[in-house]
Amino acid sequence: MDNKIDVSIPVAQVIDQHPEVLDLLVELGFKPLANPIMRNTVGRKVSLKQGSKLEGTPMDKIVRTLEANGYEVVGLDQ
């Protein structure tokens, strides 16, 4: 299994690749992702980097949480 998460791609694509991160993201403050309709509309357009700014969740907190759960985070410099 590929444990890379690209924070520059749409959130819905990240969740499609790694469905298990949905709960982590909701806990981090991405509460709209819990709603399948929001996940399939806004989530198809907004990346984790963009969502970080929209939701006010610091990117470093997202990265630390994902890495603590065994993921390699890429796409930070894009």
PDB file of N, CA and C in Angstrom:
ATOM      1  N   MET A   1       0.837  -1.195   0.000  1.00  0.00           N
ATOM      2  CA  MET A   1       0.000   0.000   0.000  1.00  0.00           C
ATOM      3  C   MET A   1       0.872   1.244   0.000  1.00  0.00           C
ATOM      4  N   ASP A   2       0.513   2.208  -0.792  1.00  0.00           N
ATOM      5  CA  ASP A   2       1.231   3.466  -0.898  1.00  0.00           C
ATOM      6  C   ASP A   2       0.744   4.400   0.209  1.00  0.00           C
ATOM      7  N   ASN A   3       1.634   4.790   1.084  1.00  0.00           N
ATOM      8  CA  ASN A   3       1.248   5.649   2.196  1.00  0.00           C
ATOM      9  C   ASN A   3       1.625   7.104   1.981  1.00  0.00           C
ATOM     10  N   LYS A   4       1.670   7.540   0.724  1.00  0.00           N
ATOM     11  CA  LYS A   4       1.941   8.935   0.416  1.00  0.00           C
ATOM     12  C   LYS A   4       0.623   9.678   0.279  1.00  0.00           C
ATOM     13  N   ILE A   5       0.570  10.853   0.882  1.00  0.00           N
ATOM     14  CA  ILE A   5      -0.591  11.718   0.735  1.00  0.00           C
ATOM     15  C   ILE A   5      -0.105  13.029   0.152  1.00  0.00           C
ATOM     16  N   ASP A   6      -0.659  13.384  -0.998  1.00  0.00           N
ATOM     17  CA  ASP A   6      -0.316  14.628  -1.685  1.00  0.00           C
ATOM     18  C   ASP A   6      -1.319  15.692  -1.255  1.00  0.00           C
ATOM     19  N   VAL A   7      -0.834  16.697  -0.522  1.00  0.00           N
ATOM     20  CA  VAL A   7      -1.725  17.732   0.010  1.00  0.00           C
ATOM     21  C   VAL A   7      -2.118  18.779  -1.032  1.00  0.00           C
ATOM     22  N   SER A   8      -1.593  18.630  -2.256  1.00  0.00           N
ATOM     23  CA  SER A   8      -1.926  19.601  -3.300  1.00  0.00           C
ATOM     24  C   SER A   8      -3.040  19.106  -4.233  1.00  0.00           C
ATOM     25  N   ILE A   9      -3.485  17.861  -4.040  1.00  0.00           N
ATOM     26  CA  ILE A   9      -4.582  17.329  -4.867  1.00  0.00           C
ATOM     27  C   ILE A   9      -5.906  17.473  -4.104  1.00  0.00           C
ATOM     28  N   PRO A  10      -7.043  17.392  -4.794  1.00  0.00           N
ATOM     29  CA  PRO A  10      -8.333  17.538  -4.102  1.00  0.00           C
ATOM     30  C   PRO A  10      -8.516  16.537  -2.964  1.00  0.00           C
ATOM     31  N   VAL A  11      -9.117  17.008  -1.895  1.00  0.00           N
ATOM     32  CA  VAL A  11      -9.345  16.198  -0.697  1.00  0.00           C
ATOM     33  C   VAL A  11     -10.110  14.913  -1.038  1.00  0.00           C
ATOM     34  N   ALA A  12     -11.103  15.006  -1.895  1.00  0.00           N
ATOM     35  CA  ALA A  12     -11.892  13.822  -2.257  1.00  0.00           C
ATOM     36  C   ALA A  12     -11.004  12.754  -2.894  1.00  0.00           C
ATOM     37  N   GLN A  13     -10.030  13.175  -3.665  1.00  0.00           N
ATOM     38  CA  GLN A  13      -9.099  12.230  -4.295  1.00  0.00           C
ATOM     39  C   GLN A  13      -8.219  11.565  -3.233  1.00  0.00           C
ATOM     40  N   VAL A  14      -7.788  12.347  -2.238  1.00  0.00           N
ATOM     41  CA  VAL A  14      -7.003  11.789  -1.132  1.00  0.00           C
ATOM     42  C   VAL A  14      -7.822  10.722  -0.411  1.00  0.00           C
ATOM     43  N   ILE A  15      -9.100  11.036  -0.147  1.00  0.00           N
ATOM     44  CA  ILE A  15      -9.974  10.098   0.564  1.00  0.00           C
ATOM     45  C   ILE A  15     -10.270   8.869  -0.295  1.00  0.00           C
ATOM     46  N   ASP A  16     -10.401   9.054  -1.609  1.00  0.00           N
ATOM     47  CA  ASP A  16     -10.589   7.903  -2.500  1.00  0.00           C
ATOM     48  C   ASP A  16      -9.393   6.945  -2.411  1.00  0.00           C
ATOM     49  N   GLN A  17      -8.184   7.521  -2.334  1.00  0.00           N
ATOM     50  CA  GLN A  17      -6.962   6.719  -2.273  1.00  0.00           C
ATOM     51  C   GLN A  17      -6.735   6.123  -0.887  1.00  0.00           C
ATOM     52  N   HIS A  18      -7.149   6.866   0.152  1.00  0.00           N
ATOM     53  CA  HIS A  18      -6.917   6.469   1.545  1.00  0.00           C
ATOM     54  C   HIS A  18      -8.184   6.724   2.362  1.00  0.00           C
ATOM     55  N   PRO A  19      -9.210   5.891   2.212  1.00  0.00           N
ATOM     56  CA  PRO A  19     -10.485   6.134   2.900  1.00  0.00           C
ATOM     57  C   PRO A  19     -10.352   6.233   4.416  1.00  0.00           C
ATOM     58  N   GLU A  20      -9.335   5.602   4.949  1.00  0.00           N
ATOM     59  CA  GLU A  20      -9.138   5.605   6.396  1.00  0.00           C
ATOM     60  C   GLU A  20      -8.749   6.974   6.959  1.00  0.00           C
ATOM     61  N   VAL A  21      -8.303   7.919   6.108  1.00  0.00           N
ATOM     62  CA  VAL A  21      -7.915   9.240   6.622  1.00  0.00           C
ATOM     63  C   VAL A  21      -9.116  10.162   6.818  1.00  0.00           C
ATOM     64  N   LEU A  22     -10.276   9.769   6.359  1.00  0.00           N
ATOM     65  CA  LEU A  22     -11.464  10.619   6.514  1.00  0.00           C
ATOM     66  C   LEU A  22     -11.684  10.995   7.974  1.00  0.00           C
ATOM     67  N   ASP A  23     -11.658  10.020   8.866  1.00  0.00           N
ATOM     68  CA  ASP A  23     -11.877  10.306  10.283  1.00  0.00           C
ATOM     69  C   ASP A  23     -10.808  11.233  10.837  1.00  0.00           C
ATOM     70  N   LEU A  24      -9.560  11.040  10.429  1.00  0.00           N
ATOM     71  CA  LEU A  24      -8.474  11.922  10.877  1.00  0.00           C
ATOM     72  C   LEU A  24      -8.725  13.356  10.443  1.00  0.00           C
ATOM     73  N   LEU A  25      -9.136  13.526   9.190  1.00  0.00           N
ATOM     74  CA  LEU A  25      -9.366  14.873   8.669  1.00  0.00           C
ATOM     75  C   LEU A  25     -10.543  15.550   9.356  1.00  0.00           C
ATOM     76  N   VAL A  26     -11.588  14.803   9.627  1.00  0.00           N
ATOM     77  CA  VAL A  26     -12.747  15.364  10.331  1.00  0.00           C
ATOM     78  C   VAL A  26     -12.323  15.801  11.735  1.00  0.00           C
ATOM     79  N   GLU A  27     -11.526  14.979  12.415  1.00  0.00           N
ATOM     80  CA  GLU A  27     -11.030  15.332  13.750  1.00  0.00           C
ATOM     81  C   GLU A  27     -10.147  16.568  13.713  1.00  0.00           C
ATOM     82  N   LEU A  28      -9.426  16.762  12.615  1.00  0.00           N
ATOM     83  CA  LEU A  28      -8.549  17.925  12.477  1.00  0.00           C
ATOM     84  C   LEU A  28      -9.317  19.225  12.220  1.00  0.00           C
ATOM     85  N   GLY A  29     -10.603  19.123  11.968  1.00  0.00           N
ATOM     86  CA  GLY A  29     -11.393  20.323  11.742  1.00  0.00           C
ATOM     87  C   GLY A  29     -12.081  20.390  10.399  1.00  0.00           C
ATOM     88  N   PHE A  30     -11.852  19.405   9.556  1.00  0.00           N
ATOM     89  CA  PHE A  30     -12.489  19.371   8.246  1.00  0.00           C
ATOM     90  C   PHE A  30     -13.873  18.717   8.376  1.00  0.00           C
ATOM     91  N   LYS A  31     -14.699  19.290   9.234  1.00  0.00           N
ATOM     92  CA  LYS A  31     -16.005  18.709   9.557  1.00  0.00           C
ATOM     93  C   LYS A  31     -16.929  18.550   8.346  1.00  0.00           C
ATOM     94  N   PRO A  32     -16.903  19.463   7.361  1.00  0.00           N
ATOM     95  CA  PRO A  32     -17.777  19.270   6.189  1.00  0.00           C
ATOM     96  C   PRO A  32     -17.514  17.962   5.443  1.00  0.00           C
ATOM     97  N   LEU A  33     -16.314  17.393   5.580  1.00  0.00           N
ATOM     98  CA  LEU A  33     -16.002  16.145   4.883  1.00  0.00           C
ATOM     99  C   LEU A  33     -16.817  14.968   5.410  1.00  0.00           C
ATOM    100  N   ALA A  34     -17.367  15.102   6.597  1.00  0.00           N
ATOM    101  CA  ALA A  34     -18.205  14.032   7.154  1.00  0.00           C
ATOM    102  C   ALA A  34     -19.493  13.880   6.351  1.00  0.00           C
ATOM    103  N   ASN A  35     -19.879  14.935   5.639  1.00  0.00           N
ATOM    104  CA  ASN A  35     -21.083  14.931   4.816  1.00  0.00           C
ATOM    105  C   ASN A  35     -20.703  14.480   3.397  1.00  0.00           C
ATOM    106  N   PRO A  36     -21.235  13.334   2.940  1.00  0.00           N
ATOM    107  CA  PRO A  36     -20.868  12.830   1.605  1.00  0.00           C
ATOM    108  C   PRO A  36     -21.148  13.819   0.480  1.00  0.00           C
ATOM    109  N   ILE A  37     -22.169  14.622   0.611  1.00  0.00           N
ATOM    110  CA  ILE A  37     -22.479  15.613  -0.442  1.00  0.00           C
ATOM    111  C   ILE A  37     -21.382  16.665  -0.513  1.00  0.00           C
ATOM    112  N   MET A  38     -20.961  17.169   0.638  1.00  0.00           N
ATOM    113  CA  MET A  38     -19.878  18.167   0.655  1.00  0.00           C
ATOM    114  C   MET A  38     -18.575  17.550   0.148  1.00  0.00           C
ATOM    115  N   ARG A  39     -18.333  16.310   0.541  1.00  0.00           N
ATOM    116  CA  ARG A  39     -17.109  15.619   0.119  1.00  0.00           C
ATOM    117  C   ARG A  39     -17.074  15.476  -1.394  1.00  0.00           C
ATOM    118  N   ASN A  40     -18.234  15.248  -2.010  1.00  0.00           N
ATOM    119  CA  ASN A  40     -18.291  15.037  -3.458  1.00  0.00           C
ATOM    120  C   ASN A  40     -18.459  16.323  -4.262  1.00  0.00           C
ATOM    121  N   THR A  41     -18.665  17.438  -3.602  1.00  0.00           N
ATOM    122  CA  THR A  41     -18.747  18.714  -4.322  1.00  0.00           C
ATOM    123  C   THR A  41     -17.503  19.544  -4.025  1.00  0.00           C
ATOM    124  N   VAL A  42     -17.458  20.134  -2.861  1.00  0.00           N
ATOM    125  CA  VAL A  42     -16.312  20.967  -2.481  1.00  0.00           C
ATOM    126  C   VAL A  42     -15.033  20.134  -2.439  1.00  0.00           C
ATOM    127  N   GLY A  43     -15.145  18.917  -1.933  1.00  0.00           N
ATOM    128  CA  GLY A  43     -13.977  18.041  -1.814  1.00  0.00           C
ATOM    129  C   GLY A  43     -13.330  17.692  -3.134  1.00  0.00           C
ATOM    130  N   ARG A  44     -14.062  17.807  -4.225  1.00  0.00           N
ATOM    131  CA  ARG A  44     -13.502  17.515  -5.557  1.00  0.00           C
ATOM    132  C   ARG A  44     -12.739  18.717  -6.130  1.00  0.00           C
ATOM    133  N   LYS A  45     -12.871  19.871  -5.467  1.00  0.00           N
ATOM    134  CA  LYS A  45     -12.216  21.094  -5.961  1.00  0.00           C
ATOM    135  C   LYS A  45     -11.105  21.597  -5.036  1.00  0.00           C
ATOM    136  N   VAL A  46     -11.232  21.316  -3.727  1.00  0.00           N
ATOM    137  CA  VAL A  46     -10.343  21.917  -2.731  1.00  0.00           C
ATOM    138  C   VAL A  46      -9.293  20.908  -2.266  1.00  0.00           C
ATOM    139  N   SER A  47      -8.035  21.337  -2.264  1.00  0.00           N
ATOM    140  CA  SER A  47      -6.944  20.487  -1.781  1.00  0.00           C
ATOM    141  C   SER A  47      -6.830  20.626  -0.259  1.00  0.00           C
ATOM    142  N   LEU A  48      -6.041  19.758   0.341  1.00  0.00           N
ATOM    143  CA  LEU A  48      -5.804  19.880   1.782  1.00  0.00           C
ATOM    144  C   LEU A  48      -5.110  21.201   2.109  1.00  0.00           C
ATOM    145  N   LYS A  49      -4.227  21.646   1.227  1.00  0.00           N
ATOM    146  CA  LYS A  49      -3.558  22.935   1.449  1.00  0.00           C
ATOM    147  C   LYS A  49      -4.575  24.071   1.442  1.00  0.00           C
ATOM    148  N   GLN A  50      -5.476  24.077   0.484  1.00  0.00           N
ATOM    149  CA  GLN A  50      -6.508  25.115   0.418  1.00  0.00           C
ATOM    150  C   GLN A  50      -7.468  24.989   1.593  1.00  0.00           C
ATOM    151  N   GLY A  51      -7.839  23.762   1.922  1.00  0.00           N
ATOM    152  CA  GLY A  51      -8.744  23.520   3.034  1.00  0.00           C
ATOM    153  C   GLY A  51      -8.157  23.954   4.356  1.00  0.00           C
ATOM    154  N   SER A  52      -6.857  23.835   4.488  1.00  0.00           N
ATOM    155  CA  SER A  52      -6.166  24.283   5.696  1.00  0.00           C
ATOM    156  C   SER A  52      -6.427  25.763   5.938  1.00  0.00           C
ATOM    157  N   LYS A  53      -6.341  26.536   4.882  1.00  0.00           N
ATOM    158  CA  LYS A  53      -6.596  27.988   4.989  1.00  0.00           C
ATOM    159  C   LYS A  53      -8.072  28.268   5.232  1.00  0.00           C
ATOM    160  N   LEU A  54      -8.940  27.555   4.520  1.00  0.00           N
ATOM    161  CA  LEU A  54     -10.380  27.775   4.658  1.00  0.00           C
ATOM    162  C   LEU A  54     -10.896  27.420   6.054  1.00  0.00           C
ATOM    163  N   GLU A  55     -10.414  26.312   6.597  1.00  0.00           N
ATOM    164  CA  GLU A  55     -10.891  25.825   7.893  1.00  0.00           C
ATOM    165  C   GLU A  55     -10.092  26.389   9.058  1.00  0.00           C
ATOM    166  N   GLY A  56      -8.951  27.030   8.762  1.00  0.00           N
ATOM    167  CA  GLY A  56      -8.130  27.605   9.825  1.00  0.00           C
ATOM    168  C   GLY A  56      -7.314  26.575  10.595  1.00  0.00           C
ATOM    169  N   THR A  57      -7.080  25.429   9.963  1.00  0.00           N
ATOM    170  CA  THR A  57      -6.256  24.388  10.580  1.00  0.00           C
ATOM    171  C   THR A  57      -4.837  24.537  10.047  1.00  0.00           C
ATOM    172  N   PRO A  58      -3.868  24.779  10.926  1.00  0.00           N
ATOM    173  CA  PRO A  58      -2.485  24.964  10.454  1.00  0.00           C
ATOM    174  C   PRO A  58      -1.978  23.756   9.676  1.00  0.00           C
ATOM    175  N   MET A  59      -1.321  24.030   8.572  1.00  0.00           N
ATOM    176  CA  MET A  59      -0.795  22.967   7.712  1.00  0.00           C
ATOM    177  C   MET A  59       0.185  22.080   8.477  1.00  0.00           C
ATOM    178  N   ASP A  60       0.997  22.664   9.358  1.00  0.00           N
ATOM    179  CA  ASP A  60       1.963  21.852  10.100  1.00  0.00           C
ATOM    180  C   ASP A  60       1.258  20.857  11.027  1.00  0.00           C
ATOM    181  N   LYS A  61       0.095  21.222  11.543  1.00  0.00           N
ATOM    182  CA  LYS A  61      -0.679  20.300  12.380  1.00  0.00           C
ATOM    183  C   LYS A  61      -1.207  19.129  11.540  1.00  0.00           C
ATOM    184  N   ILE A  62      -1.665  19.427  10.328  1.00  0.00           N
ATOM    185  CA  ILE A  62      -2.149  18.382   9.422  1.00  0.00           C
ATOM    186  C   ILE A  62      -1.010  17.428   9.081  1.00  0.00           C
ATOM    187  N   VAL A  63       0.135  17.994   8.732  1.00  0.00           N
ATOM    188  CA  VAL A  63       1.303  17.182   8.366  1.00  0.00           C
ATOM    189  C   VAL A  63       1.729  16.306   9.540  1.00  0.00           C
ATOM    190  N   ARG A  64       1.837  16.896  10.739  1.00  0.00           N
ATOM    191  CA  ARG A  64       2.249  16.117  11.926  1.00  0.00           C
ATOM    192  C   ARG A  64       1.282  14.964  12.192  1.00  0.00           C
ATOM    193  N   THR A  65      -0.012  15.235  12.082  1.00  0.00           N
ATOM    194  CA  THR A  65      -1.022  14.200  12.345  1.00  0.00           C
ATOM    195  C   THR A  65      -0.925  13.074  11.322  1.00  0.00           C
ATOM    196  N   LEU A  66      -0.804  13.435  10.050  1.00  0.00           N
ATOM    197  CA  LEU A  66      -0.705  12.410   9.007  1.00  0.00           C
ATOM    198  C   LEU A  66       0.571  11.581   9.176  1.00  0.00           C
ATOM    199  N   GLU A  67       1.685  12.250   9.463  1.00  0.00           N
ATOM    200  CA  GLU A  67       2.951  11.529   9.640  1.00  0.00           C
ATOM    201  C   GLU A  67       2.903  10.633  10.876  1.00  0.00           C
ATOM    202  N   ALA A  68       2.259  11.106  11.941  1.00  0.00           N
ATOM    203  CA  ALA A  68       2.137  10.302  13.163  1.00  0.00           C
ATOM    204  C   ALA A  68       1.304   9.044  12.917  1.00  0.00           C
ATOM    205  N   ASN A  69       0.477   9.085  11.877  1.00  0.00           N
ATOM    206  CA  ASN A  69      -0.355   7.932  11.526  1.00  0.00           C
ATOM    207  C   ASN A  69       0.233   7.117  10.389  1.00  0.00           C
ATOM    208  N   GLY A  70       1.512   7.335  10.089  1.00  0.00           N
ATOM    209  CA  GLY A  70       2.220   6.480   9.141  1.00  0.00           C
ATOM    210  C   GLY A  70       2.213   6.931   7.692  1.00  0.00           C
ATOM    211  N   TYR A  71       1.823   8.168   7.431  1.00  0.00           N
ATOM    212  CA  TYR A  71       1.775   8.657   6.052  1.00  0.00           C
ATOM    213  C   TYR A  71       2.957   9.558   5.755  1.00  0.00           C
ATOM    214  N   GLU A  72       3.412   9.496   4.513  1.00  0.00           N
ATOM    215  CA  GLU A  72       4.420  10.421   4.011  1.00  0.00           C
ATOM    216  C   GLU A  72       3.663  11.537   3.299  1.00  0.00           C
ATOM    217  N   VAL A  73       3.917  12.761   3.700  1.00  0.00           N
ATOM    218  CA  VAL A  73       3.201  13.906   3.123  1.00  0.00           C
ATOM    219  C   VAL A  73       4.056  14.531   2.020  1.00  0.00           C
ATOM    220  N   VAL A  74       3.447  14.669   0.836  1.00  0.00           N
ATOM    221  CA  VAL A  74       4.131  15.291  -0.298  1.00  0.00           C
ATOM    222  C   VAL A  74       3.234  16.414  -0.845  1.00  0.00           C
ATOM    223  N   GLY A  75       3.812  17.241  -1.712  1.00  0.00           N
ATOM    224  CA  GLY A  75       3.048  18.302  -2.357  1.00  0.00           C
ATOM    225  C   GLY A  75       3.022  19.605  -1.588  1.00  0.00           C
ATOM    226  N   LEU A  76       3.851  19.723  -0.560  1.00  0.00           N
ATOM    227  CA  LEU A  76       3.845  20.945   0.242  1.00  0.00           C
ATOM    228  C   LEU A  76       4.399  22.152  -0.505  1.00  0.00           C
ATOM    229  N   ASP A  77       5.295  21.908  -1.436  1.00  0.00           N
ATOM    230  CA  ASP A  77       5.931  23.022  -2.140  1.00  0.00           C
ATOM    231  C   ASP A  77       5.301  23.336  -3.482  1.00  0.00           C
ATOM    232  N   GLN A  78       4.115  22.794  -3.728  1.00  0.00           N
ATOM    233  CA  GLN A  78       3.457  23.045  -5.017  1.00  0.00           C
ATOM    234  C   GLN A  78       2.407  24.112  -4.869  1.00  0.00           C
TER     235      GLN A  78
END
